[in-house]
Amino acid sequence: ILSPDARTLASPNIVIILCGNKKDLDADREVTFLEASRFAQENELMFLETSALTGENVEEAFLICARTILSKIESGELDPERMGSGIQYGDASLRQLRQPRGSAAQARQQCNC
């Protein structure tokens, strides 16, 4: 069961993802996918199995969290301007859109600077 502190001390709109690691060691599994999935559902968590060794679903875990947070911002459920929301905007000078690999060179070629 989740520590009550995680939910009571955080924003009510907290985004939590349960990552079942070591997906690459399926033969040594102690918790079935169904058990973990059911636990996540009962505790209102997102669930994803990952492997730090192979990298499987590691980046996806962060992307899912980020997309869920962005969706909550867009729907008005989360307001980064509200104190205590648990999120905040970063320094505007550090923000930039993530470009696919190789496109930075293409962008420089199109620039007239």
C-alpha atoms as a PDB file:
ATOM      1  CA  ILE A   1       0.000   0.000   0.000  1.00  0.00           C
ATOM      2  CA  LEU A   2       1.241   3.480  -0.814  1.00  0.00           C
ATOM      3  CA  SER A   3       2.554   5.636   1.955  1.00  0.00           C
ATOM      4  CA  PRO A   4      -0.184   8.077   2.903  1.00  0.00           C
ATOM      5  CA  ASP A   5       2.472  10.821   2.922  1.00  0.00           C
ATOM      6  CA  ALA A   6       2.888  10.683  -0.851  1.00  0.00           C
ATOM      7  CA  ARG A   7      -0.729  11.642  -1.399  1.00  0.00           C
ATOM      8  CA  THR A   8      -1.316  13.842   1.664  1.00  0.00           C
ATOM      9  CA  LEU A   9       1.820  15.950   1.265  1.00  0.00           C
ATOM     10  CA  ALA A  10       1.573  16.426  -2.488  1.00  0.00           C
ATOM     11  CA  SER A  11      -0.873  18.160  -4.771  1.00  0.00           C
ATOM     12  CA  PRO A  12      -4.210  16.333  -5.007  1.00  0.00           C
ATOM     13  CA  ASN A  13      -3.536  16.111  -8.752  1.00  0.00           C
ATOM     14  CA  ILE A  14      -0.218  14.293  -8.295  1.00  0.00           C
ATOM     15  CA  VAL A  15       0.843  12.079 -11.181  1.00  0.00           C
ATOM     16  CA  ILE A  16       2.365   8.788 -10.050  1.00  0.00           C
ATOM     17  CA  ILE A  17       3.602   5.980 -12.245  1.00  0.00           C
ATOM     18  CA  LEU A  18       4.490   2.561 -10.905  1.00  0.00           C
ATOM     19  CA  CYS A  19       7.450   1.123 -12.794  1.00  0.00           C
ATOM     20  CA  GLY A  20       7.989  -2.600 -12.549  1.00  0.00           C
ATOM     21  CA  ASN A  21      11.700  -2.837 -13.277  1.00  0.00           C
ATOM     22  CA  LYS A  22      13.803  -5.771 -14.469  1.00  0.00           C
ATOM     23  CA  LYS A  23      11.361  -6.694 -17.217  1.00  0.00           C
ATOM     24  CA  ASP A  24      14.296  -8.427 -18.892  1.00  0.00           C
ATOM     25  CA  LEU A  25      14.367 -11.032 -16.069  1.00  0.00           C
ATOM     26  CA  ASP A  26      10.927 -12.493 -16.761  1.00  0.00           C
ATOM     27  CA  ALA A  27      11.962 -15.960 -15.505  1.00  0.00           C
ATOM     28  CA  ASP A  28      12.824 -14.515 -12.079  1.00  0.00           C
ATOM     29  CA  ARG A  29       9.540 -12.625 -11.760  1.00  0.00           C
ATOM     30  CA  GLU A  30       8.103 -12.357  -8.233  1.00  0.00           C
ATOM     31  CA  VAL A  31       5.031 -10.275  -9.103  1.00  0.00           C
ATOM     32  CA  THR A  32       2.888 -11.061 -12.113  1.00  0.00           C
ATOM     33  CA  PHE A  33       1.924  -8.383 -14.578  1.00  0.00           C
ATOM     34  CA  LEU A  34      -1.700  -8.868 -13.549  1.00  0.00           C
ATOM     35  CA  GLU A  35      -0.936  -8.406  -9.824  1.00  0.00           C
ATOM     36  CA  ALA A  36       1.068  -5.243 -10.454  1.00  0.00           C
ATOM     37  CA  SER A  37      -1.505  -3.894 -12.879  1.00  0.00           C
ATOM     38  CA  ARG A  38      -4.325  -4.556 -10.428  1.00  0.00           C
ATOM     39  CA  PHE A  39      -2.363  -2.871  -7.598  1.00  0.00           C
ATOM     40  CA  ALA A  40      -1.769   0.166  -9.798  1.00  0.00           C
ATOM     41  CA  GLN A  41      -5.427   0.380 -10.744  1.00  0.00           C
ATOM     42  CA  GLU A  42      -6.600   0.038  -7.126  1.00  0.00           C
ATOM     43  CA  ASN A  43      -4.225   2.823  -6.061  1.00  0.00           C
ATOM     44  CA  GLU A  44      -4.942   5.088  -9.053  1.00  0.00           C
ATOM     45  CA  LEU A  45      -1.433   4.756 -10.466  1.00  0.00           C
ATOM     46  CA  MET A  46      -0.224   4.458 -14.007  1.00  0.00           C
ATOM     47  CA  PHE A  47       1.724   1.241 -14.554  1.00  0.00           C
ATOM     48  CA  LEU A  48       4.522   0.320 -16.895  1.00  0.00           C
ATOM     49  CA  GLU A  49       7.042  -2.495 -16.880  1.00  0.00           C
ATOM     50  CA  THR A  50      10.589  -1.352 -17.588  1.00  0.00           C
ATOM     51  CA  SER A  51      14.115  -2.651 -17.918  1.00  0.00           C
ATOM     52  CA  ALA A  52      17.006  -0.463 -16.902  1.00  0.00           C
ATOM     53  CA  LEU A  53      19.348  -3.012 -18.486  1.00  0.00           C
ATOM     54  CA  THR A  54      17.824  -2.870 -21.968  1.00  0.00           C
ATOM     55  CA  GLY A  55      16.264   0.576 -21.634  1.00  0.00           C
ATOM     56  CA  GLU A  56      12.836  -0.798 -22.530  1.00  0.00           C
ATOM     57  CA  ASN A  57      10.062   1.638 -21.537  1.00  0.00           C
ATOM     58  CA  VAL A  58      12.401   3.816 -19.426  1.00  0.00           C
ATOM     59  CA  GLU A  59      12.010   6.927 -21.572  1.00  0.00           C
ATOM     60  CA  GLU A  60       8.337   6.095 -22.087  1.00  0.00           C
ATOM     61  CA  ALA A  61       7.744   6.273 -18.322  1.00  0.00           C
ATOM     62  CA  PHE A  62       8.954   9.880 -18.262  1.00  0.00           C
ATOM     63  CA  LEU A  63       7.051  10.759 -21.433  1.00  0.00           C
ATOM     64  CA  ILE A  64       3.803   9.308 -20.074  1.00  0.00           C
ATOM     65  CA  CYS A  65       4.182  11.332 -16.877  1.00  0.00           C
ATOM     66  CA  ALA A  66       4.999  14.503 -18.798  1.00  0.00           C
ATOM     67  CA  ARG A  67       2.064  14.036 -21.195  1.00  0.00           C
ATOM     68  CA  THR A  68      -0.312  13.393 -18.309  1.00  0.00           C
ATOM     69  CA  ILE A  69       0.867  16.537 -16.506  1.00  0.00           C
ATOM     70  CA  LEU A  70       0.567  18.587 -19.704  1.00  0.00           C
ATOM     71  CA  SER A  71      -2.931  17.230 -20.281  1.00  0.00           C
ATOM     72  CA  LYS A  72      -3.919  18.240 -16.741  1.00  0.00           C
ATOM     73  CA  ILE A  73      -2.519  21.740 -17.349  1.00  0.00           C
ATOM     74  CA  GLU A  74      -4.385  22.075 -20.651  1.00  0.00           C
ATOM     75  CA  SER A  75      -7.653  20.902 -19.088  1.00  0.00           C
ATOM     76  CA  GLY A  76      -7.260  23.376 -16.209  1.00  0.00           C
ATOM     77  CA  GLU A  77      -6.970  20.621 -13.617  1.00  0.00           C
ATOM     78  CA  LEU A  78      -3.444  21.818 -12.809  1.00  0.00           C
ATOM     79  CA  ASP A  79      -2.364  25.457 -12.730  1.00  0.00           C
ATOM     80  CA  PRO A  80       1.403  26.057 -12.667  1.00  0.00           C
ATOM     81  CA  GLU A  81       0.726  29.657 -11.602  1.00  0.00           C
ATOM     82  CA  ARG A  82      -1.002  28.501  -8.402  1.00  0.00           C
ATOM     83  CA  MET A  83       1.284  28.176  -5.392  1.00  0.00           C
ATOM     84  CA  GLY A  84       1.370  24.606  -4.138  1.00  0.00           C
ATOM     85  CA  SER A  85       0.343  23.067  -7.460  1.00  0.00           C
ATOM     86  CA  GLY A  86       3.505  20.974  -7.397  1.00  0.00           C
ATOM     87  CA  ILE A  87       4.654  22.214 -10.786  1.00  0.00           C
ATOM     88  CA  GLN A  88       6.208  25.382 -12.049  1.00  0.00           C
ATOM     89  CA  TYR A  89       7.447  26.849 -15.260  1.00  0.00           C
ATOM     90  CA  GLY A  90      11.176  26.728 -15.787  1.00  0.00           C
ATOM     91  CA  ASP A  91      13.379  29.650 -16.763  1.00  0.00           C
ATOM     92  CA  ALA A  92      12.054  30.851 -20.132  1.00  0.00           C
ATOM     93  CA  SER A  93      15.591  31.256 -21.468  1.00  0.00           C
ATOM     94  CA  LEU A  94      16.242  27.544 -20.861  1.00  0.00           C
ATOM     95  CA  ARG A  95      13.028  26.279 -22.477  1.00  0.00           C
ATOM     96  CA  GLN A  96      13.275  24.990 -26.006  1.00  0.00           C
ATOM     97  CA  LEU A  97      11.333  22.584 -28.136  1.00  0.00           C
ATOM     98  CA  ARG A  98      12.879  19.175 -28.496  1.00  0.00           C
ATOM     99  CA  GLN A  99      13.913  18.667 -32.088  1.00  0.00           C
ATOM    100  CA  PRO A 100      14.369  15.265 -33.695  1.00  0.00           C
ATOM    101  CA  ARG A 101      18.007  14.264 -34.104  1.00  0.00           C
ATOM    102  CA  GLY A 102      19.638  15.707 -37.140  1.00  0.00           C
ATOM    103  CA  SER A 103      17.136  18.529 -37.478  1.00  0.00           C
ATOM    104  CA  ALA A 104      19.345  21.023 -35.594  1.00  0.00           C
ATOM    105  CA  ALA A 105      21.785  21.038 -38.495  1.00  0.00           C
ATOM    106  CA  GLN A 106      18.897  21.445 -40.933  1.00  0.00           C
ATOM    107  CA  ALA A 107      17.524  24.341 -38.882  1.00  0.00           C
ATOM    108  CA  ARG A 108      20.931  26.075 -38.938  1.00  0.00           C
ATOM    109  CA  GLN A 109      21.068  25.716 -42.713  1.00  0.00           C
ATOM    110  CA  GLN A 110      17.683  27.414 -43.037  1.00  0.00           C
ATOM    111  CA  CYS A 111      18.676  30.266 -40.703  1.00  0.00           C
ATOM    112  CA  ASN A 112      19.873  33.485 -42.334  1.00  0.00           C
ATOM    113  CA  CYS A 113      22.131  34.464 -39.419  1.00  0.00           C
END
